[in-house]
N, C-alpha and C. Protein backbone atom coordinates (compact mmCIF):
# COMPACT_ATOMS: atom_id res chain seq x y z
N MET A 1 -53.83 157.43 100.77
CA MET A 1 -55.18 156.87 100.90
C MET A 1 -55.93 157.09 99.60
N GLN A 2 -56.64 156.06 99.16
CA GLN A 2 -57.43 156.18 97.95
C GLN A 2 -58.62 157.09 98.21
N PRO A 3 -59.11 157.79 97.17
CA PRO A 3 -60.27 158.64 97.38
C PRO A 3 -61.49 157.79 97.73
N MET A 4 -62.28 158.29 98.66
CA MET A 4 -63.47 157.55 99.05
C MET A 4 -64.59 157.84 98.05
N THR A 5 -65.47 156.86 97.92
CA THR A 5 -66.60 156.98 97.01
C THR A 5 -67.86 156.61 97.77
N ASN A 6 -69.00 156.72 97.10
CA ASN A 6 -70.23 156.33 97.78
C ASN A 6 -70.33 154.82 97.96
N SER A 7 -69.30 154.11 97.56
CA SER A 7 -69.25 152.67 97.81
C SER A 7 -68.08 152.32 98.73
N THR A 8 -67.77 153.23 99.63
CA THR A 8 -66.70 153.03 100.60
C THR A 8 -67.28 152.53 101.93
N ILE A 9 -66.62 151.54 102.49
CA ILE A 9 -66.97 151.02 103.81
C ILE A 9 -65.84 151.45 104.74
N LEU A 10 -66.19 152.26 105.73
CA LEU A 10 -65.21 152.82 106.66
C LEU A 10 -65.30 152.09 107.99
N PHE A 11 -64.20 151.46 108.40
CA PHE A 11 -64.12 150.78 109.69
C PHE A 11 -63.46 151.71 110.70
N VAL A 12 -64.02 151.77 111.91
CA VAL A 12 -63.54 152.71 112.92
C VAL A 12 -63.27 152.00 114.25
N CYS A 13 -62.09 152.28 114.82
CA CYS A 13 -61.77 151.87 116.18
C CYS A 13 -61.13 153.06 116.88
N SER A 14 -60.36 152.83 117.90
CA SER A 14 -59.77 153.95 118.66
C SER A 14 -58.49 154.47 118.01
N GLY A 15 -57.45 153.64 117.95
CA GLY A 15 -56.15 154.10 117.49
C GLY A 15 -55.83 153.81 116.04
N ASN A 16 -56.67 153.02 115.38
CA ASN A 16 -56.48 152.65 113.97
C ASN A 16 -55.15 151.92 113.76
N THR A 17 -54.81 151.05 114.73
CA THR A 17 -53.60 150.24 114.58
C THR A 17 -53.88 148.75 114.74
N CYS A 18 -55.04 148.37 115.27
CA CYS A 18 -55.34 146.95 115.50
C CYS A 18 -56.63 146.52 114.82
N ARG A 19 -57.77 146.85 115.44
CA ARG A 19 -59.06 146.34 114.97
C ARG A 19 -59.48 146.86 113.60
N SER A 20 -59.51 148.18 113.44
CA SER A 20 -60.02 148.70 112.17
C SER A 20 -59.11 148.39 110.98
N PRO A 21 -57.76 148.42 111.12
CA PRO A 21 -56.96 148.00 109.97
C PRO A 21 -57.12 146.52 109.66
N MET A 22 -57.35 145.70 110.70
CA MET A 22 -57.58 144.28 110.46
C MET A 22 -58.87 144.10 109.64
N ALA A 23 -59.93 144.78 110.05
CA ALA A 23 -61.19 144.71 109.31
C ALA A 23 -61.02 145.26 107.90
N HIS A 24 -60.30 146.36 107.78
CA HIS A 24 -60.01 147.00 106.50
C HIS A 24 -59.34 146.00 105.55
N GLY A 25 -58.27 145.35 106.02
CA GLY A 25 -57.54 144.40 105.19
C GLY A 25 -58.38 143.19 104.79
N ILE A 26 -59.10 142.64 105.75
CA ILE A 26 -59.94 141.47 105.48
C ILE A 26 -61.07 141.84 104.53
N ALA A 27 -61.68 142.99 104.75
CA ALA A 27 -62.79 143.43 103.90
C ALA A 27 -62.33 143.70 102.47
N GLN A 28 -61.18 144.37 102.33
CA GLN A 28 -60.70 144.66 100.97
C GLN A 28 -60.42 143.38 100.22
N GLU A 29 -59.85 142.40 100.91
CA GLU A 29 -59.60 141.09 100.28
C GLU A 29 -60.91 140.39 99.93
N TRP A 30 -61.90 140.46 100.82
CA TRP A 30 -63.20 139.85 100.55
C TRP A 30 -63.86 140.51 99.33
N LEU A 31 -63.79 141.84 99.27
CA LEU A 31 -64.36 142.56 98.13
C LEU A 31 -63.68 142.14 96.82
N ARG A 32 -62.35 142.04 96.86
CA ARG A 32 -61.59 141.64 95.67
C ARG A 32 -61.97 140.22 95.24
N LYS A 33 -61.96 139.29 96.19
CA LYS A 33 -62.25 137.89 95.87
C LYS A 33 -63.67 137.68 95.35
N ASN A 34 -64.59 138.54 95.78
CA ASN A 34 -65.99 138.39 95.38
C ASN A 34 -66.38 139.29 94.22
N GLY A 35 -65.40 139.94 93.61
CA GLY A 35 -65.64 140.70 92.40
C GLY A 35 -66.29 142.06 92.59
N TYR A 36 -66.21 142.63 93.77
CA TYR A 36 -66.80 143.94 94.03
C TYR A 36 -65.73 145.02 93.86
N GLU A 37 -65.27 145.19 92.61
CA GLU A 37 -64.18 146.10 92.33
C GLU A 37 -64.54 147.56 92.56
N GLY A 38 -65.81 147.91 92.50
CA GLY A 38 -66.23 149.29 92.71
C GLY A 38 -66.31 149.68 94.17
N TRP A 39 -66.08 148.74 95.06
CA TRP A 39 -66.16 148.99 96.49
C TRP A 39 -64.77 149.14 97.08
N LEU A 40 -64.68 149.91 98.15
CA LEU A 40 -63.41 150.18 98.79
C LEU A 40 -63.58 150.10 100.31
N ALA A 41 -62.67 149.39 100.97
CA ALA A 41 -62.63 149.35 102.44
C ALA A 41 -61.52 150.29 102.90
N VAL A 42 -61.79 151.07 103.93
CA VAL A 42 -60.81 151.98 104.53
C VAL A 42 -60.99 151.93 106.04
N SER A 43 -60.08 152.57 106.77
CA SER A 43 -60.20 152.57 108.22
C SER A 43 -59.64 153.85 108.81
N ALA A 44 -60.09 154.15 110.03
CA ALA A 44 -59.64 155.33 110.76
C ALA A 44 -59.89 155.09 112.24
N GLY A 45 -59.36 156.01 113.07
CA GLY A 45 -59.52 155.87 114.51
C GLY A 45 -60.00 157.15 115.16
N THR A 46 -60.84 156.99 116.16
CA THR A 46 -61.40 158.15 116.86
C THR A 46 -60.34 158.91 117.65
N PHE A 47 -59.29 158.20 118.09
CA PHE A 47 -58.20 158.84 118.84
C PHE A 47 -56.85 158.57 118.18
N ALA A 48 -56.88 158.33 116.88
CA ALA A 48 -55.65 157.98 116.16
C ALA A 48 -54.77 159.20 115.94
N THR A 49 -53.47 158.94 115.92
CA THR A 49 -52.52 159.94 115.47
C THR A 49 -52.21 159.62 114.02
N GLU A 50 -51.86 160.61 113.26
CA GLU A 50 -51.53 160.41 111.85
C GLU A 50 -50.23 159.64 111.71
N GLY A 51 -50.26 158.53 110.97
CA GLY A 51 -49.05 157.84 110.58
C GLY A 51 -48.48 156.78 111.50
N ALA A 52 -49.19 156.38 112.56
CA ALA A 52 -48.68 155.30 113.42
C ALA A 52 -48.76 153.98 112.66
N PRO A 53 -47.78 153.09 112.86
CA PRO A 53 -47.80 151.82 112.13
C PRO A 53 -48.89 150.89 112.65
N THR A 54 -49.38 150.06 111.76
CA THR A 54 -50.32 149.00 112.13
C THR A 54 -49.56 148.02 113.02
N SER A 55 -50.23 147.49 114.05
CA SER A 55 -49.55 146.58 114.98
C SER A 55 -49.01 145.36 114.25
N SER A 56 -47.88 144.88 114.71
CA SER A 56 -47.26 143.71 114.08
C SER A 56 -48.16 142.49 114.21
N GLU A 57 -48.92 142.40 115.30
CA GLU A 57 -49.85 141.27 115.47
C GLU A 57 -50.96 141.31 114.43
N THR A 58 -51.45 142.50 114.12
CA THR A 58 -52.48 142.63 113.07
C THR A 58 -51.89 142.24 111.72
N ILE A 59 -50.70 142.76 111.42
CA ILE A 59 -50.02 142.41 110.16
C ILE A 59 -49.82 140.90 110.07
N ASN A 60 -49.40 140.26 111.18
CA ASN A 60 -49.20 138.81 111.19
C ASN A 60 -50.51 138.05 110.97
N ALA A 61 -51.59 138.48 111.63
CA ALA A 61 -52.88 137.81 111.48
C ALA A 61 -53.37 137.92 110.03
N LEU A 62 -53.17 139.07 109.42
CA LEU A 62 -53.57 139.25 108.02
C LEU A 62 -52.68 138.41 107.11
N SER A 63 -51.39 138.42 107.36
CA SER A 63 -50.44 137.67 106.54
C SER A 63 -50.75 136.18 106.55
N GLN A 64 -51.16 135.65 107.71
CA GLN A 64 -51.53 134.24 107.81
C GLN A 64 -52.71 133.90 106.91
N ARG A 65 -53.47 134.92 106.52
CA ARG A 65 -54.63 134.74 105.64
C ARG A 65 -54.30 135.12 104.20
N GLY A 66 -53.03 135.33 103.93
CA GLY A 66 -52.61 135.68 102.58
C GLY A 66 -52.89 137.12 102.20
N ILE A 67 -53.08 137.98 103.20
CA ILE A 67 -53.42 139.38 102.95
C ILE A 67 -52.21 140.25 103.28
N THR A 68 -51.76 141.00 102.29
CA THR A 68 -50.69 141.96 102.50
C THR A 68 -51.35 143.29 102.82
N PHE A 69 -51.00 143.86 103.96
CA PHE A 69 -51.61 145.13 104.37
C PHE A 69 -50.52 146.15 104.60
N GLU A 70 -50.67 147.27 103.93
CA GLU A 70 -49.76 148.40 104.14
C GLU A 70 -50.61 149.60 104.45
N GLY A 71 -50.33 150.22 105.54
CA GLY A 71 -51.10 151.40 105.91
C GLY A 71 -50.64 151.92 107.25
N THR A 72 -50.98 153.15 107.51
CA THR A 72 -50.69 153.76 108.79
C THR A 72 -51.97 154.40 109.32
N SER A 73 -51.96 154.72 110.59
CA SER A 73 -53.18 155.23 111.23
C SER A 73 -53.59 156.59 110.68
N LYS A 74 -54.91 156.78 110.71
CA LYS A 74 -55.52 158.03 110.27
C LYS A 74 -56.58 158.43 111.26
N PRO A 75 -56.60 159.70 111.68
CA PRO A 75 -57.67 160.17 112.55
C PRO A 75 -58.99 160.25 111.79
N LEU A 76 -60.05 159.86 112.44
CA LEU A 76 -61.38 159.94 111.85
C LEU A 76 -61.78 161.40 111.65
N THR A 77 -62.31 161.71 110.47
CA THR A 77 -62.75 163.08 110.18
C THR A 77 -64.21 163.08 109.72
N ARG A 78 -64.80 164.22 109.81
CA ARG A 78 -66.18 164.41 109.34
C ARG A 78 -66.28 164.07 107.85
N GLU A 79 -65.28 164.49 107.08
CA GLU A 79 -65.28 164.25 105.64
C GLU A 79 -65.27 162.76 105.33
N MET A 80 -64.47 162.00 106.09
CA MET A 80 -64.43 160.55 105.89
C MET A 80 -65.82 159.94 106.11
N ILE A 81 -66.43 160.35 107.18
CA ILE A 81 -67.75 159.80 107.54
C ILE A 81 -68.78 160.12 106.47
N LEU A 82 -68.83 161.37 106.05
CA LEU A 82 -69.85 161.80 105.10
C LEU A 82 -69.62 161.25 103.70
N SER A 83 -68.38 160.91 103.36
CA SER A 83 -68.12 160.38 102.02
C SER A 83 -68.20 158.85 101.96
N ALA A 84 -68.39 158.20 103.10
CA ALA A 84 -68.50 156.74 103.12
C ALA A 84 -69.95 156.31 102.93
N HIS A 85 -70.12 155.16 102.33
CA HIS A 85 -71.46 154.58 102.19
C HIS A 85 -71.98 154.16 103.56
N ILE A 86 -71.09 153.55 104.35
CA ILE A 86 -71.46 153.12 105.69
C ILE A 86 -70.21 153.17 106.57
N VAL A 87 -70.41 153.47 107.84
CA VAL A 87 -69.33 153.51 108.83
C VAL A 87 -69.61 152.41 109.83
N LEU A 88 -68.68 151.46 109.93
CA LEU A 88 -68.84 150.33 110.84
C LEU A 88 -67.84 150.49 111.99
N CYS A 89 -68.39 150.66 113.19
CA CYS A 89 -67.59 150.97 114.38
C CYS A 89 -67.44 149.76 115.29
N MET A 90 -66.32 149.71 115.98
CA MET A 90 -66.01 148.58 116.85
C MET A 90 -66.73 148.62 118.19
N SER A 91 -67.18 149.82 118.62
CA SER A 91 -67.89 149.93 119.90
C SER A 91 -68.94 151.04 119.83
N LYS A 92 -69.82 151.07 120.81
CA LYS A 92 -70.83 152.12 120.88
C LYS A 92 -70.18 153.49 121.07
N THR A 93 -69.09 153.55 121.81
CA THR A 93 -68.37 154.81 121.98
C THR A 93 -67.91 155.34 120.63
N HIS A 94 -67.40 154.47 119.77
CA HIS A 94 -66.98 154.88 118.43
C HIS A 94 -68.17 155.37 117.61
N VAL A 95 -69.30 154.69 117.75
CA VAL A 95 -70.53 155.12 117.05
C VAL A 95 -70.89 156.53 117.51
N ASP A 96 -70.89 156.75 118.82
CA ASP A 96 -71.26 158.07 119.36
C ASP A 96 -70.33 159.17 118.88
N ILE A 97 -69.04 158.90 118.89
CA ILE A 97 -68.07 159.90 118.44
C ILE A 97 -68.25 160.19 116.95
N ALA A 98 -68.44 159.15 116.15
CA ALA A 98 -68.65 159.34 114.71
C ALA A 98 -69.92 160.16 114.45
N ARG A 99 -70.97 159.89 115.20
CA ARG A 99 -72.21 160.66 115.02
C ARG A 99 -72.01 162.13 115.41
N GLN A 100 -71.26 162.37 116.49
CA GLN A 100 -70.96 163.75 116.89
C GLN A 100 -70.14 164.46 115.81
N LEU A 101 -69.16 163.77 115.28
CA LEU A 101 -68.32 164.36 114.23
C LEU A 101 -69.08 164.65 112.96
N SER A 102 -69.97 163.74 112.58
CA SER A 102 -70.64 163.89 111.28
C SER A 102 -71.62 165.05 111.29
N GLY A 103 -72.27 165.29 112.43
CA GLY A 103 -73.24 166.38 112.49
C GLY A 103 -74.41 166.19 111.56
N GLU A 104 -74.49 165.04 110.93
CA GLU A 104 -75.57 164.76 110.00
C GLU A 104 -76.05 163.32 110.21
N ASP A 105 -77.01 162.94 109.41
CA ASP A 105 -77.58 161.61 109.53
C ASP A 105 -76.81 160.62 108.66
N ALA A 106 -75.54 160.42 108.98
CA ALA A 106 -74.71 159.46 108.25
C ALA A 106 -75.09 158.05 108.69
N LYS A 107 -74.80 157.09 107.84
CA LYS A 107 -75.09 155.69 108.16
C LYS A 107 -73.92 155.14 108.98
N ILE A 108 -74.12 155.11 110.30
CA ILE A 108 -73.09 154.69 111.25
C ILE A 108 -73.68 153.58 112.11
N GLU A 109 -72.98 152.45 112.15
CA GLU A 109 -73.49 151.29 112.89
C GLU A 109 -72.35 150.58 113.61
N LEU A 110 -72.73 149.72 114.55
CA LEU A 110 -71.75 148.80 115.13
C LEU A 110 -71.36 147.79 114.06
N PHE A 111 -70.10 147.47 113.98
CA PHE A 111 -69.62 146.46 113.04
C PHE A 111 -70.25 145.11 113.38
N ASP A 112 -70.18 144.71 114.64
CA ASP A 112 -70.79 143.46 115.10
C ASP A 112 -72.10 143.83 115.76
N LEU A 113 -73.20 143.49 115.13
CA LEU A 113 -74.52 143.86 115.64
C LEU A 113 -74.82 143.21 116.99
N ASP A 114 -74.04 142.19 117.37
CA ASP A 114 -74.23 141.53 118.66
C ASP A 114 -73.51 142.24 119.80
N GLY A 115 -72.67 143.25 119.49
CA GLY A 115 -71.98 143.96 120.56
C GLY A 115 -70.61 144.43 120.13
N PRO A 116 -69.89 145.03 121.07
CA PRO A 116 -68.58 145.60 120.73
C PRO A 116 -67.52 144.54 120.44
N ILE A 117 -66.52 144.94 119.69
CA ILE A 117 -65.34 144.11 119.42
C ILE A 117 -64.25 144.60 120.37
N SER A 118 -63.80 143.73 121.23
CA SER A 118 -62.78 144.09 122.23
C SER A 118 -61.46 144.45 121.58
N ASP A 119 -60.78 145.41 122.19
CA ASP A 119 -59.47 145.84 121.71
C ASP A 119 -58.42 144.82 122.11
N PRO A 120 -57.68 144.26 121.13
CA PRO A 120 -56.66 143.26 121.45
C PRO A 120 -55.31 143.86 121.82
N ALA A 121 -55.18 145.18 121.80
CA ALA A 121 -53.88 145.82 122.05
C ALA A 121 -53.25 145.29 123.34
N GLY A 122 -51.97 144.94 123.25
CA GLY A 122 -51.24 144.46 124.40
C GLY A 122 -51.39 142.97 124.65
N GLN A 123 -52.20 142.29 123.86
CA GLN A 123 -52.38 140.86 124.06
C GLN A 123 -51.54 140.08 123.05
N ASP A 124 -51.50 138.76 123.22
CA ASP A 124 -50.61 137.97 122.36
C ASP A 124 -51.23 137.67 121.00
N GLN A 125 -50.41 137.07 120.15
CA GLN A 125 -50.80 136.81 118.76
C GLN A 125 -52.06 135.94 118.66
N LEU A 126 -52.23 135.00 119.59
CA LEU A 126 -53.41 134.13 119.54
C LEU A 126 -54.71 134.92 119.63
N VAL A 127 -54.72 136.00 120.40
CA VAL A 127 -55.91 136.85 120.52
C VAL A 127 -56.19 137.54 119.18
N TYR A 128 -55.15 138.02 118.53
CA TYR A 128 -55.29 138.67 117.23
C TYR A 128 -55.77 137.68 116.17
N ASP A 129 -55.22 136.47 116.23
CA ASP A 129 -55.63 135.44 115.26
C ASP A 129 -57.10 135.08 115.44
N ALA A 130 -57.54 134.96 116.69
CA ALA A 130 -58.95 134.66 116.95
C ALA A 130 -59.84 135.81 116.48
N LEU A 131 -59.37 137.03 116.69
CA LEU A 131 -60.13 138.19 116.23
C LEU A 131 -60.23 138.20 114.71
N ALA A 132 -59.15 137.89 114.02
CA ALA A 132 -59.18 137.85 112.55
C ALA A 132 -60.17 136.80 112.06
N GLU A 133 -60.20 135.66 112.73
CA GLU A 133 -61.15 134.61 112.35
C GLU A 133 -62.59 135.09 112.53
N LYS A 134 -62.84 135.75 113.65
CA LYS A 134 -64.18 136.30 113.90
C LYS A 134 -64.53 137.35 112.85
N MET A 135 -63.57 138.21 112.54
CA MET A 135 -63.82 139.28 111.57
C MET A 135 -64.09 138.72 110.17
N GLU A 136 -63.41 137.65 109.80
CA GLU A 136 -63.67 137.06 108.48
C GLU A 136 -65.14 136.67 108.35
N LYS A 137 -65.69 136.07 109.37
CA LYS A 137 -67.09 135.66 109.35
C LYS A 137 -68.02 136.88 109.34
N LEU A 138 -67.72 137.85 110.22
CA LEU A 138 -68.56 139.05 110.29
C LEU A 138 -68.54 139.83 108.97
N ILE A 139 -67.38 139.97 108.39
CA ILE A 139 -67.24 140.73 107.15
C ILE A 139 -68.02 140.06 106.03
N ALA A 140 -67.91 138.77 105.92
CA ALA A 140 -68.67 138.06 104.87
C ALA A 140 -70.17 138.29 105.05
N GLN A 141 -70.66 138.22 106.27
CA GLN A 141 -72.09 138.43 106.53
C GLN A 141 -72.50 139.88 106.29
N ARG A 142 -71.77 140.80 106.92
CA ARG A 142 -72.16 142.21 106.85
C ARG A 142 -72.05 142.78 105.45
N LEU A 143 -70.92 142.53 104.78
CA LEU A 143 -70.70 143.12 103.47
C LEU A 143 -71.66 142.56 102.44
N GLU A 144 -71.92 141.28 102.51
CA GLU A 144 -72.89 140.68 101.59
C GLU A 144 -74.25 141.37 101.72
N THR A 145 -74.68 141.58 102.95
CA THR A 145 -75.97 142.24 103.20
C THR A 145 -75.93 143.71 102.76
N ILE A 146 -74.88 144.41 103.12
CA ILE A 146 -74.75 145.83 102.77
C ILE A 146 -74.77 146.00 101.25
N ILE A 147 -73.97 145.22 100.56
CA ILE A 147 -73.87 145.37 99.10
C ILE A 147 -75.17 144.94 98.42
N LYS A 148 -75.76 143.87 98.90
CA LYS A 148 -77.02 143.38 98.31
C LYS A 148 -78.13 144.43 98.42
N ASN A 149 -78.12 145.18 99.50
CA ASN A 149 -79.16 146.18 99.74
C ASN A 149 -78.80 147.57 99.23
N THR A 150 -77.75 147.66 98.40
CA THR A 150 -77.27 148.94 97.91
C THR A 150 -77.31 148.98 96.40
N ARG A 151 -77.75 150.11 95.91
CA ARG A 151 -77.66 150.35 94.47
C ARG A 151 -76.73 151.53 94.29
N ILE A 152 -75.62 151.29 93.64
CA ILE A 152 -74.66 152.36 93.34
C ILE A 152 -74.96 152.83 91.92
N CYS A 153 -75.23 154.12 91.82
CA CYS A 153 -75.54 154.69 90.50
C CYS A 153 -74.29 155.16 89.80
């Protein structure tokens, strides 16, 4: 894992094998394409085990978008939260757990301000593809706003 900086965007879900790695991959590609080289997207899970593979459906959805993703699951830690610029969680439960872990006033929000992102685990590829399409739109909106409102010294 690359070292986190104050320009790190941390995506959080439960197992860190479906939703958060998908957001991580899409966000990193969006950052690269838009010239935000100083920014880094990473992901973790509130109930993740260390080293579980990313789901094949997530890898396929990313691959269909020309994104190569290599990574394994990582448990969410206090250090990750505190070293990130912002923590974007897939559900309110993830927000609550991240806030409990951080013990401080970290910037932790729902990834989709309209509500939770459903877990696609166990569903077919079409569900993952639809989720990737939704995430592409959300990431473009959220990251543009986050970066525009941030000054990195």
